[in-house]
Amino acid sequence: MKKRLKKAESFSGKVLSPAKILDYQKGTVVSKTIADKNAGLVTLFAFDKGQGLREHTAPFDALVHLIDGEAEIVISGKSFCLKKGEMIVMPANQPHALLAIKKFKMILTMIKSK
């Protein structure tokens, strides 16, 4: 189950520690939007162990950067195991899914294009 937090304030012009913005919540996925512009979207996520996002596609490239924990990311049937500090680009229109091997936090940057 994915739980969205309210957009509380603007993060523009502030020094941030992404891993500290969201706390893990038992049995769920928590997200918080950091930036939402015409050119793209930056969202923080915290996944409890065993939580994930089912296979889906997106119309834009998406950069996933793990800032804590460990996740399995499957892109077009190929599995990747990412750990804290690693990142991967999920190409536009390619099926992908995410699963928390250990609880993990990530920054998702969606790069919108025409």
Protein backbone atom coordinates (compact mmCIF):
# COMPACT_ATOMS: atom_id res chain seq x y z
CA MET A 1 0.00 0.00 0.00
CA LYS A 2 1.40 3.37 -0.98
CA LYS A 3 0.86 6.30 1.35
CA ARG A 4 1.33 9.89 0.16
CA LEU A 5 2.29 12.58 2.61
CA LYS A 6 0.90 16.06 2.21
CA LYS A 7 3.03 18.59 0.37
CA ALA A 8 3.88 20.67 3.42
CA GLU A 9 6.34 23.28 2.26
CA SER A 10 8.63 24.34 -0.51
CA PHE A 11 12.08 22.77 -0.36
CA SER A 12 13.47 25.36 -2.77
CA GLY A 13 16.55 27.19 -1.48
CA LYS A 14 16.99 24.88 1.52
CA VAL A 15 19.79 22.50 2.43
CA LEU A 16 18.30 19.02 2.64
CA SER A 17 19.33 15.66 4.05
CA PRO A 18 17.10 13.39 1.93
CA ALA A 19 17.45 10.31 4.15
CA LYS A 20 16.06 12.31 7.09
CA ILE A 21 13.02 13.83 5.34
CA LEU A 22 11.00 10.58 5.40
CA ASP A 23 10.72 7.94 8.10
CA TYR A 24 10.01 4.29 7.40
CA GLN A 25 6.50 3.14 8.24
CA LYS A 26 5.76 -0.51 8.96
CA GLY A 27 4.16 -2.39 6.09
CA THR A 28 3.90 0.49 3.64
CA VAL A 29 5.54 2.79 1.11
CA VAL A 30 5.76 6.49 1.95
CA SER A 31 6.49 9.26 -0.55
CA LYS A 32 7.06 12.99 -0.51
CA THR A 33 7.34 15.27 -3.54
CA ILE A 34 10.39 17.55 -3.40
CA ALA A 35 9.98 19.27 -6.78
CA ASP A 36 7.19 19.15 -9.36
CA LYS A 37 7.89 21.18 -12.51
CA ASN A 38 6.95 20.95 -16.18
CA ALA A 39 10.44 19.57 -16.91
CA GLY A 40 10.32 16.83 -14.30
CA LEU A 41 9.51 15.53 -10.86
CA VAL A 42 11.66 14.65 -7.84
CA THR A 43 10.11 12.40 -5.20
CA LEU A 44 11.53 10.73 -2.09
CA PHE A 45 10.29 7.24 -1.20
CA ALA A 46 10.70 5.04 1.88
CA PHE A 47 9.82 1.33 1.39
CA ASP A 48 9.47 -1.05 4.32
CA LYS A 49 11.04 -4.50 3.82
CA GLY A 50 8.96 -6.62 1.44
CA GLN A 51 7.07 -3.63 0.03
CA GLY A 52 7.31 -2.63 -3.60
CA LEU A 53 5.70 -1.27 -6.72
CA ARG A 54 4.20 -3.76 -9.17
CA GLU A 55 5.33 -3.85 -12.77
CA HIS A 56 4.23 -0.76 -14.68
CA THR A 57 5.49 1.63 -17.34
CA ALA A 58 6.06 5.38 -17.34
CA PRO A 59 6.19 7.73 -20.32
CA PHE A 60 9.47 9.29 -19.14
CA ASP A 61 12.96 8.15 -18.18
CA ALA A 62 13.27 7.81 -14.41
CA LEU A 63 16.49 7.92 -12.37
CA VAL A 64 16.37 5.87 -9.16
CA HIS A 65 19.07 6.71 -6.59
CA LEU A 66 19.13 4.61 -3.40
CA ILE A 67 20.04 6.65 -0.34
CA ASP A 68 19.54 3.81 2.16
CA GLY A 69 18.98 0.06 2.18
CA GLU A 70 18.73 -2.46 -0.64
CA ALA A 71 16.25 -2.99 -3.47
CA GLU A 72 15.60 -5.24 -6.42
CA ILE A 73 14.64 -3.34 -9.55
CA VAL A 74 13.40 -5.25 -12.57
CA ILE A 75 13.48 -3.51 -15.96
CA SER A 76 12.06 -5.36 -18.97
CA GLY A 77 12.49 -8.68 -17.16
CA LYS A 78 16.11 -8.07 -16.12
CA SER A 79 16.78 -7.93 -12.36
CA PHE A 80 19.19 -5.47 -10.72
CA CYS A 81 20.13 -5.40 -7.03
CA LEU A 82 20.91 -1.87 -5.86
CA LYS A 83 22.43 -0.83 -2.55
CA LYS A 84 22.83 2.50 -0.80
CA GLY A 85 24.63 4.99 -3.04
CA GLU A 86 23.85 3.21 -6.31
CA MET A 87 21.50 4.37 -9.03
CA ILE A 88 19.92 3.21 -12.27
CA VAL A 89 17.90 4.78 -15.09
CA MET A 90 14.60 3.10 -15.89
CA PRO A 91 13.96 3.90 -19.58
CA ALA A 92 10.67 5.41 -20.72
CA ASN A 93 7.97 2.96 -21.79
CA GLN A 94 9.87 -0.09 -20.46
CA PRO A 95 8.09 -2.24 -17.86
CA HIS A 96 9.70 -1.99 -14.42
CA ALA A 97 9.03 -2.99 -10.82
CA LEU A 98 10.66 -2.39 -7.43
CA LEU A 99 10.91 -4.58 -4.31
CA ALA A 100 12.48 -3.83 -0.93
CA ILE A 101 14.96 -6.64 -0.20
CA LYS A 102 15.75 -4.63 2.94
CA LYS A 103 13.90 -1.46 3.80
CA PHE A 104 15.18 1.26 1.52
CA LYS A 105 14.87 4.93 0.65
CA MET A 106 15.28 6.36 -2.82
CA ILE A 107 15.16 9.58 -4.76
CA LEU A 108 13.14 9.22 -7.94
CA THR A 109 13.81 11.82 -10.65
CA MET A 110 11.39 11.73 -13.56
CA ILE A 111 12.79 13.45 -16.63
CA LYS A 112 9.91 14.64 -18.76
CA SER A 113 10.44 15.14 -22.48
CA LYS A 114 8.33 16.18 -25.42
